[in-house]
Amino acid sequence: MKKIQMVDLKSQYDKIKSQIDEAVLNVFDATAYINGPEVKEFQKELENYLEVKYVIPCANGTDALQIAMMALDLKPGDEVITSDFTFAATVEVIALLKLTPVLVDVYPDTFNIDIEAVKKAITTKTKAIVPVHLFGQCADMESILQIAKDHNLYVIEDNAQAIGADYIFSDGTKKKAGTMGIVGTTSFFPSKNLGCYGDGGAIFTDDDELAHKLKSISNHGMSKRYYYDAIGVNSRLDSIQAAILRVKLPFLDFYCDTRRKAANFYNEAFANHPNILTPTVSSFSTHVFHQYTLRIINSDRNELHQYLLENQIPNAIYYPVPLHSQKAYGNSHYLEEDFKVTNDLVNTVISLPMHTEFDLEQLKYITQTVLNFFKK
C-alpha cells in the first residue's frame, strides 16, 4: 500500500506535472515575477469562477484578513466578533490592528459560529462580524447578514478553508463562499483545496470603492506609483504562484467532488458507531471537506490519535486549545460557561487524512484501523 499522507500533494502534482512545469517555466522566460500577466489572468479567472466583481490577490490568507480590516477603516477599540474555534490567524489580525476581538462559541455539529452567541455579543462598540467557514462549509450567512443589516455591521468572511463551497439562501439563490459579505478572504496555502506551491491569498468584493482601497493598501498604499493615499503593506501574490493557481483552478470543482467521495466513504464506514460522530453537512451549504473531522464520544480521543500514528496513519487535532484560553488572546471578561461547545470540541475532535489522491486500499485501511481501536 502506498504511504498514507495527511495531504498528498506529490501525487496531485504528478497528475498535472507537465502543465505546472510549463506554466512555471513560462514565468521564468517572461521574467515578470511580480504583478506579471499571470497574476492578472488568474485574478480574472477567479473573478469569473466566484462570480464576484473584484479579486485582489495578495501574499497570504492572514494578510488578506488584515488588509480587509484596514480598508474598512476600523479603529482601535472597535469590537470584532468571531469564532472561538478556529485557527489563530482570524483573531491575530484583529489584535494586531488594536481592534478588540470578541470570541463566541460555535455549534457542536457544524463547528461554525453560533448565531445566538453572536447576537448576545453585540455592543455599541461592535463594528464587524468575521464568520469562519470552518473545515469546508459555510457558516449561517443568511442569519449573519441579517444581524449585520439590523446593527449596521460589516461582514468579513474568512474563507480560508471553504473555497468552492456553495451557500444556498432560503429563496434558492446560490452564492460562492466568500462572496456574500462586504468583503471575503481566502488562503492558497499548499494544503488548501485550491493551493499554490508557497504562500498566497486573495480578497473578494463587489464594492467599487472598497476594491480600490484594497488594491492600494496591498501595494504600500499606492493607487498611483509613488503617490501614497493610505498607509499600506507589501502583500502581493507572485507570478509563479499565480501561474500554478491558474493550472489548478479548473480542477477545483473536481478536487472538491473527490474530497466529498472520500468523506462519503468515511461516513459509511463509521455510520451509527456509538463512539464516533461524523461531520454534519448544513442544509444551506455544500461541504468541500478541507478537513474531515470526527468527534469521539465516550472514549479517549488522545489514545486514538496515538494509535493511528502507531499504525502509520497521520491525523491532527484542529484545534487543541480554544482561542479564549490562549495566553495571547485571553480576556478576564470571558466566562467559561459561554464556551461550552468549544471546550468540549478541543477534547473530542480528530481530523483524518483528507485529500484528492486516495486509493481504495488506503481508505479501507484508515477506516478499519479506526474501527479496530474501539474493539481493543
Protein backbone atom coordinates (compact mmCIF):
# COMPACT_ATOMS: atom_id res chain seq x y z
CA MET A 1 0.00 0.00 0.00
CA LYS A 2 1.19 3.50 -0.83
CA LYS A 3 2.22 5.51 2.23
CA ILE A 4 -0.73 7.46 3.61
CA GLN A 5 -0.33 11.24 3.70
CA MET A 6 -2.42 13.76 5.59
CA VAL A 7 -2.40 15.73 2.33
CA ASP A 8 -0.87 14.03 -0.72
CA LEU A 9 0.47 16.99 -2.69
CA LYS A 10 3.11 14.93 -4.51
CA SER A 11 0.59 12.61 -6.16
CA GLN A 12 -1.59 15.58 -7.05
CA TYR A 13 1.38 17.34 -8.64
CA ASP A 14 2.39 14.23 -10.59
CA LYS A 15 -1.00 14.24 -12.36
CA ILE A 16 -0.63 17.82 -13.59
CA LYS A 17 3.17 17.95 -13.71
CA SER A 18 3.53 18.84 -17.37
CA GLN A 19 1.04 21.72 -17.09
CA ILE A 20 2.60 23.06 -13.88
CA ASP A 21 6.15 22.81 -15.20
CA GLU A 22 5.26 24.59 -18.43
CA ALA A 23 3.43 27.36 -16.56
CA VAL A 24 6.34 27.98 -14.20
CA LEU A 25 8.94 27.91 -16.98
CA ASN A 26 6.88 30.45 -18.91
CA VAL A 27 7.16 32.83 -15.95
CA PHE A 28 10.94 32.29 -15.90
CA ASP A 29 11.11 33.07 -19.60
CA ALA A 30 8.98 36.21 -19.23
CA THR A 31 10.88 37.33 -16.07
CA ALA A 32 7.75 39.16 -14.91
CA TYR A 33 7.89 37.86 -11.36
CA ILE A 34 5.79 40.48 -9.55
CA ASN A 35 2.35 41.57 -10.80
CA GLY A 36 3.03 39.94 -14.12
CA PRO A 37 0.46 38.77 -16.68
CA GLU A 38 -0.13 35.50 -14.82
CA VAL A 39 -1.35 37.39 -11.75
CA LYS A 40 -3.74 39.50 -13.79
CA GLU A 41 -5.10 36.48 -15.69
CA PHE A 42 -5.57 34.47 -12.51
CA GLN A 43 -7.42 37.40 -10.97
CA LYS A 44 -9.85 37.50 -13.91
CA GLU A 45 -10.35 33.73 -13.92
CA LEU A 46 -11.07 33.61 -10.20
CA GLU A 47 -13.50 36.53 -10.53
CA ASN A 48 -15.36 34.53 -13.17
CA TYR A 49 -15.38 31.36 -11.08
CA LEU A 50 -16.66 33.11 -7.96
CA GLU A 51 -18.97 35.45 -9.90
CA VAL A 52 -17.57 38.37 -7.93
CA LYS A 53 -16.68 41.78 -9.31
CA TYR A 54 -13.20 42.11 -7.84
CA VAL A 55 -10.49 39.70 -6.74
CA ILE A 56 -7.40 41.29 -5.20
CA PRO A 57 -4.56 38.73 -4.95
CA CYS A 58 -2.18 39.09 -2.01
CA ALA A 59 0.64 37.28 -0.25
CA ASN A 60 -1.32 35.01 2.10
CA GLY A 61 -4.65 34.50 3.83
CA THR A 62 -3.62 36.29 7.01
CA ASP A 63 -2.67 39.40 5.05
CA ALA A 64 -6.00 39.15 3.24
CA LEU A 65 -7.87 39.47 6.53
CA GLN A 66 -5.65 42.30 7.75
CA ILE A 67 -5.94 44.29 4.53
CA ALA A 68 -9.72 43.83 4.55
CA MET A 69 -9.97 45.27 8.05
CA MET A 70 -7.61 48.14 7.20
CA ALA A 71 -9.68 49.05 4.13
CA LEU A 72 -12.86 49.22 6.23
CA ASP A 73 -11.23 51.91 8.41
CA LEU A 74 -11.83 50.05 11.65
CA LYS A 75 -10.38 51.98 14.57
CA PRO A 76 -8.54 50.83 17.73
CA GLY A 77 -11.06 49.70 20.29
CA ASP A 78 -13.70 48.71 17.74
CA GLU A 79 -15.06 45.27 18.54
CA VAL A 80 -14.98 42.44 16.01
CA ILE A 81 -16.95 39.27 16.74
CA THR A 82 -15.56 35.96 15.55
CA SER A 83 -15.39 32.27 16.37
CA ASP A 84 -13.50 30.86 19.35
CA PHE A 85 -12.94 27.60 17.47
CA THR A 86 -10.68 28.48 14.55
CA PHE A 87 -7.07 28.97 13.53
CA ALA A 88 -5.38 31.86 15.29
CA ALA A 89 -4.91 33.98 12.15
CA THR A 90 -8.56 35.03 12.29
CA VAL A 91 -8.16 36.73 15.65
CA GLU A 92 -4.47 37.55 15.24
CA VAL A 93 -5.08 40.31 12.72
CA ILE A 94 -7.84 41.81 14.85
CA ALA A 95 -5.39 42.16 17.73
CA LEU A 96 -2.55 43.40 15.51
CA LEU A 97 -4.72 46.31 14.36
CA LYS A 98 -5.52 47.17 18.00
CA LEU A 99 -9.13 46.20 17.50
CA THR A 100 -10.90 44.23 20.20
CA PRO A 101 -11.56 40.58 19.36
CA VAL A 102 -14.81 39.24 20.82
CA LEU A 103 -14.80 35.46 20.75
CA VAL A 104 -18.03 33.47 20.78
CA ASP A 105 -18.97 29.81 20.83
CA VAL A 106 -19.79 27.56 17.89
CA TYR A 107 -22.33 24.89 17.02
CA PRO A 108 -21.40 21.34 18.09
CA ASP A 109 -22.37 19.73 14.78
CA THR A 110 -21.00 22.08 12.07
CA PHE A 111 -18.29 23.78 14.19
CA ASN A 112 -19.36 27.14 12.75
CA ILE A 113 -20.20 30.31 14.67
CA ASP A 114 -23.31 30.22 16.88
CA ILE A 115 -25.87 32.80 15.74
CA GLU A 116 -27.42 33.36 19.17
CA ALA A 117 -23.94 33.83 20.64
CA VAL A 118 -23.24 36.48 18.01
CA LYS A 119 -26.43 38.34 18.91
CA LYS A 120 -25.56 38.21 22.60
CA ALA A 121 -22.07 39.61 21.99
CA ILE A 122 -23.10 42.76 20.12
CA THR A 123 -22.46 46.06 21.91
CA THR A 124 -22.33 49.71 20.91
CA LYS A 125 -18.65 49.17 20.06
CA THR A 126 -19.24 46.27 17.67
CA LYS A 127 -18.28 47.13 14.11
CA ALA A 128 -17.83 43.81 12.32
CA ILE A 129 -18.52 40.08 12.33
CA VAL A 130 -15.99 37.61 10.94
CA PRO A 131 -17.71 34.27 10.23
CA VAL A 132 -15.23 31.47 9.59
CA HIS A 133 -16.35 28.85 7.05
CA LEU A 134 -14.62 26.12 9.00
CA PHE A 135 -13.35 22.82 7.57
CA GLY A 136 -15.11 23.36 4.23
CA GLN A 137 -18.70 24.55 4.71
CA CYS A 138 -20.32 27.94 5.13
CA ALA A 139 -21.50 29.46 8.37
CA ASP A 140 -25.17 30.53 8.53
CA MET A 141 -24.65 33.55 6.32
CA GLU A 142 -28.30 34.46 5.82
CA SER A 143 -28.70 34.95 9.56
CA ILE A 144 -25.36 36.72 9.89
CA LEU A 145 -26.14 39.13 7.06
CA GLN A 146 -29.49 39.95 8.65
CA ILE A 147 -27.85 40.63 12.01
CA ALA A 148 -25.29 42.85 10.29
CA LYS A 149 -28.04 44.76 8.48
CA ASP A 150 -30.01 45.24 11.70
CA HIS A 151 -26.98 46.60 13.57
CA ASN A 152 -25.12 48.34 10.72
CA LEU A 153 -22.11 46.00 10.91
CA TYR A 154 -19.56 44.83 8.37
CA VAL A 155 -19.34 41.14 7.49
CA ILE A 156 -15.84 39.92 6.63
CA GLU A 157 -15.82 36.29 5.52
CA ASP A 158 -12.85 34.14 6.49
CA ASN A 159 -13.00 31.68 3.63
CA ALA A 160 -9.54 30.17 4.01
CA GLN A 161 -10.99 26.65 4.25
CA ALA A 162 -14.11 26.60 2.05
CA ILE A 163 -13.29 27.96 -1.39
CA GLY A 164 -15.55 26.20 -3.88
CA ALA A 165 -18.42 25.69 -1.43
CA ASP A 166 -21.89 26.99 -2.30
CA TYR A 167 -24.26 28.74 0.09
CA ILE A 168 -27.98 28.29 -0.61
CA PHE A 169 -30.25 31.09 0.60
CA SER A 170 -33.83 30.36 1.67
CA ASP A 171 -35.12 31.68 -1.68
CA GLY A 172 -32.92 29.19 -3.54
CA THR A 173 -30.27 31.73 -4.57
CA LYS A 174 -26.72 30.35 -4.54
CA LYS A 175 -23.53 32.25 -3.80
CA LYS A 176 -19.97 31.04 -3.53
CA ALA A 177 -18.36 31.02 -0.09
CA GLY A 178 -16.52 34.29 0.48
CA THR A 179 -18.71 36.41 -1.81
CA MET A 180 -21.61 37.33 0.49
CA GLY A 181 -20.20 39.82 2.97
CA ILE A 182 -18.86 43.28 2.18
CA VAL A 183 -15.52 41.53 1.75
CA GLY A 184 -14.26 37.95 1.73
CA THR A 185 -10.78 36.50 2.11
CA THR A 186 -9.04 33.23 1.32
CA SER A 187 -5.72 31.43 1.55
CA PHE A 188 -3.87 29.47 -1.12
CA PHE A 189 -1.64 27.65 1.38
CA PRO A 190 -0.48 24.42 -0.34
CA SER A 191 -2.82 22.12 1.63
CA LYS A 192 -5.97 24.10 0.75
CA ASN A 193 -8.46 22.78 -1.79
CA LEU A 194 -7.03 25.40 -4.16
CA GLY A 195 -3.42 25.60 -3.05
CA CYS A 196 -0.29 27.03 -4.61
CA TYR A 197 3.29 25.86 -4.00
CA GLY A 198 4.13 28.51 -1.44
CA ASP A 199 2.15 31.25 0.25
CA GLY A 200 -0.72 33.07 -1.40
CA GLY A 201 -4.09 34.64 -0.69
CA ALA A 202 -6.85 36.80 -2.11
CA ILE A 203 -9.58 39.25 -1.16
CA PHE A 204 -13.03 39.43 -2.80
CA THR A 205 -15.57 42.23 -3.01
CA ASP A 206 -18.30 43.67 -5.24
CA ASP A 207 -17.81 47.19 -3.87
CA ASP A 208 -16.02 49.55 -6.30
CA GLU A 209 -14.65 51.97 -3.70
CA LEU A 210 -13.58 49.23 -1.34
CA ALA A 211 -11.80 47.36 -4.14
CA HIS A 212 -9.79 50.49 -4.93
CA LYS A 213 -8.72 50.77 -1.28
CA LEU A 214 -7.88 47.07 -1.02
CA LYS A 215 -5.64 47.26 -4.10
CA SER A 216 -3.95 50.37 -2.77
CA ILE A 217 -3.34 49.05 0.75
CA SER A 218 -1.91 45.76 -0.53
CA ASN A 219 0.65 47.73 -2.56
CA HIS A 220 2.16 50.07 0.05
CA GLY A 221 -0.86 52.37 -0.02
CA MET A 222 -0.21 53.38 -3.63
CA SER A 223 -3.05 53.97 -6.07
CA LYS A 224 -0.60 55.70 -8.44
CA ARG A 225 3.09 54.85 -8.44
CA TYR A 226 4.92 56.76 -5.69
CA TYR A 227 1.73 58.54 -4.58
CA TYR A 228 0.57 57.23 -1.21
CA ASP A 229 -3.08 57.77 -0.36
CA ALA A 230 -3.09 55.47 2.67
CA ILE A 231 -0.78 53.54 4.95
CA GLY A 232 -0.39 50.18 3.30
CA VAL A 233 1.51 46.93 3.40
CA ASN A 234 3.60 44.94 0.92
CA SER A 235 1.43 41.93 0.13
CA ARG A 236 1.48 40.54 -3.38
CA LEU A 237 0.84 37.17 -4.98
CA ASP A 238 3.94 36.43 -7.06
CA SER A 239 3.65 35.40 -10.70
CA ILE A 240 4.96 31.88 -10.17
CA GLN A 241 2.24 31.11 -7.62
CA ALA A 242 -0.38 32.72 -9.86
CA ALA A 243 0.72 30.54 -12.77
CA ILE A 244 0.36 27.42 -10.59
CA LEU A 245 -3.07 28.53 -9.41
CA ARG A 246 -4.18 29.14 -12.99
CA VAL A 247 -3.43 25.50 -13.76
CA LYS A 248 -5.21 24.25 -10.65
CA LEU A 249 -8.32 26.48 -10.70
CA PRO A 250 -10.07 24.48 -13.48
CA PHE A 251 -9.64 21.39 -11.29
CA LEU A 252 -11.13 22.97 -8.15
CA ASP A 253 -14.63 21.57 -8.53
CA PHE A 254 -13.17 18.14 -9.34
CA TYR A 255 -10.93 18.35 -6.26
CA CYS A 256 -13.93 19.25 -4.08
CA ASP A 257 -16.01 16.38 -5.53
CA THR A 258 -13.15 13.95 -4.95
CA ARG A 259 -12.89 15.04 -1.32
CA ARG A 260 -16.66 14.54 -0.93
CA LYS A 261 -16.33 10.98 -2.22
CA ALA A 262 -13.62 10.24 0.33
CA ALA A 263 -15.79 11.81 3.05
CA ASN A 264 -18.74 9.65 1.97
CA PHE A 265 -16.56 6.54 2.27
CA TYR A 266 -15.59 7.56 5.80
CA ASN A 267 -19.21 8.37 6.67
CA GLU A 268 -20.48 4.98 5.55
CA ALA A 269 -17.75 3.13 7.41
CA PHE A 270 -18.44 4.97 10.68
CA ALA A 271 -22.24 5.24 10.39
CA ASN A 272 -24.12 4.65 13.65
CA HIS A 273 -20.95 3.86 15.59
CA PRO A 274 -21.57 4.55 19.30
CA ASN A 275 -18.22 6.32 19.76
CA ILE A 276 -17.96 8.27 16.52
CA LEU A 277 -19.88 11.33 15.34
CA THR A 278 -19.27 12.02 11.65
CA PRO A 279 -19.36 15.54 10.17
CA THR A 280 -22.73 17.21 9.80
CA VAL A 281 -23.43 18.96 6.49
CA SER A 282 -25.67 22.01 6.80
CA SER A 283 -28.88 22.20 4.76
CA PHE A 284 -27.80 25.63 3.48
CA SER A 285 -24.23 24.84 2.38
CA THR A 286 -22.33 22.34 0.35
CA HIS A 287 -19.23 20.90 2.02
CA VAL A 288 -15.85 20.78 0.28
CA PHE A 289 -14.09 18.91 3.12
CA HIS A 290 -10.89 20.84 3.54
CA GLN A 291 -10.78 18.73 6.69
CA TYR A 292 -12.67 15.59 7.64
CA THR A 293 -13.22 15.96 11.37
CA LEU A 294 -14.77 13.40 13.69
CA ARG A 295 -15.98 13.82 17.25
CA ILE A 296 -15.08 10.98 19.58
CA ILE A 297 -17.54 10.36 22.43
CA ASN A 298 -17.28 8.10 25.48
CA SER A 299 -13.73 7.21 24.53
CA ASP A 300 -10.26 8.74 24.64
CA ARG A 301 -9.55 10.90 21.61
CA ASN A 302 -5.88 11.26 22.51
CA GLU A 303 -5.42 7.50 22.66
CA LEU A 304 -6.98 7.19 19.21
CA HIS A 305 -4.62 9.91 17.95
CA GLN A 306 -1.59 7.91 19.16
CA TYR A 307 -3.00 4.58 17.96
CA LEU A 308 -3.39 5.93 14.44
CA LEU A 309 0.15 7.32 14.43
CA GLU A 310 1.47 3.95 15.61
CA ASN A 311 -0.31 2.41 12.63
CA GLN A 312 1.22 4.92 10.17
CA ILE A 313 -1.95 6.96 9.75
CA PRO A 314 -1.31 10.70 10.05
CA ASN A 315 -4.03 12.67 11.81
CA ALA A 316 -4.42 16.02 13.50
CA ILE A 317 -6.22 17.85 16.28
CA TYR A 318 -7.80 21.01 14.87
CA TYR A 319 -7.79 22.71 17.39
CA PRO A 320 -6.31 21.58 20.74
CA VAL A 321 -6.78 24.82 22.74
CA PRO A 322 -9.64 27.36 22.49
CA LEU A 323 -8.55 30.83 21.47
CA HIS A 324 -10.16 32.31 24.58
CA SER A 325 -7.76 30.17 26.67
CA GLN A 326 -4.65 31.17 24.75
CA LYS A 327 -2.19 33.46 26.53
CA ALA A 328 -2.22 35.90 23.61
CA TYR A 329 -6.00 36.23 23.36
CA GLY A 330 -7.40 35.55 26.80
CA ASN A 331 -9.68 38.11 28.40
CA SER A 332 -10.77 38.28 32.03
CA HIS A 333 -14.29 39.11 30.88
CA TYR A 334 -14.75 35.73 29.21
CA LEU A 335 -16.88 33.21 31.09
CA GLU A 336 -16.21 29.51 30.60
CA GLU A 337 -19.95 28.84 30.56
CA ASP A 338 -20.13 30.82 27.30
CA PHE A 339 -17.75 28.38 25.58
CA LYS A 340 -19.22 25.01 26.50
CA VAL A 341 -19.18 23.68 22.95
CA THR A 342 -15.66 24.82 22.10
CA ASN A 343 -14.34 23.50 25.40
CA ASP A 344 -15.82 20.11 24.52
CA LEU A 345 -14.66 20.10 20.90
CA VAL A 346 -10.99 20.67 21.74
CA ASN A 347 -11.10 17.40 23.69
CA THR A 348 -13.11 15.33 21.22
CA VAL A 349 -12.27 16.33 17.62
CA ILE A 350 -9.82 14.48 15.41
CA SER A 351 -9.17 15.04 11.70
CA LEU A 352 -8.35 12.11 9.42
CA PRO A 353 -6.33 12.31 6.20
CA MET A 354 -8.25 14.22 3.52
CA HIS A 355 -7.09 14.97 0.00
CA THR A 356 -7.75 14.17 -3.65
CA GLU A 357 -5.40 11.24 -4.20
CA PHE A 358 -6.69 8.34 -2.09
CA ASP A 359 -6.93 4.83 -3.44
CA LEU A 360 -9.49 2.35 -2.12
CA GLU A 361 -6.90 0.33 -0.23
CA GLN A 362 -5.84 3.38 1.77
CA LEU A 363 -9.40 4.36 2.66
CA LYS A 364 -10.21 0.82 3.77
CA TYR A 365 -7.07 0.67 5.90
CA ILE A 366 -7.78 4.04 7.57
CA THR A 367 -11.40 3.23 8.40
CA GLN A 368 -10.68 -0.31 9.57
CA THR A 369 -7.85 0.91 11.80
CA VAL A 370 -10.15 3.47 13.42
CA LEU A 371 -12.79 0.80 13.99
CA ASN A 372 -10.18 -1.61 15.38
CA PHE A 373 -9.23 0.94 18.01
CA PHE A 374 -12.69 0.70 19.58
CA LYS A 375 -12.51 -3.11 19.65
CA LYS A 376 -9.38 -3.22 21.77
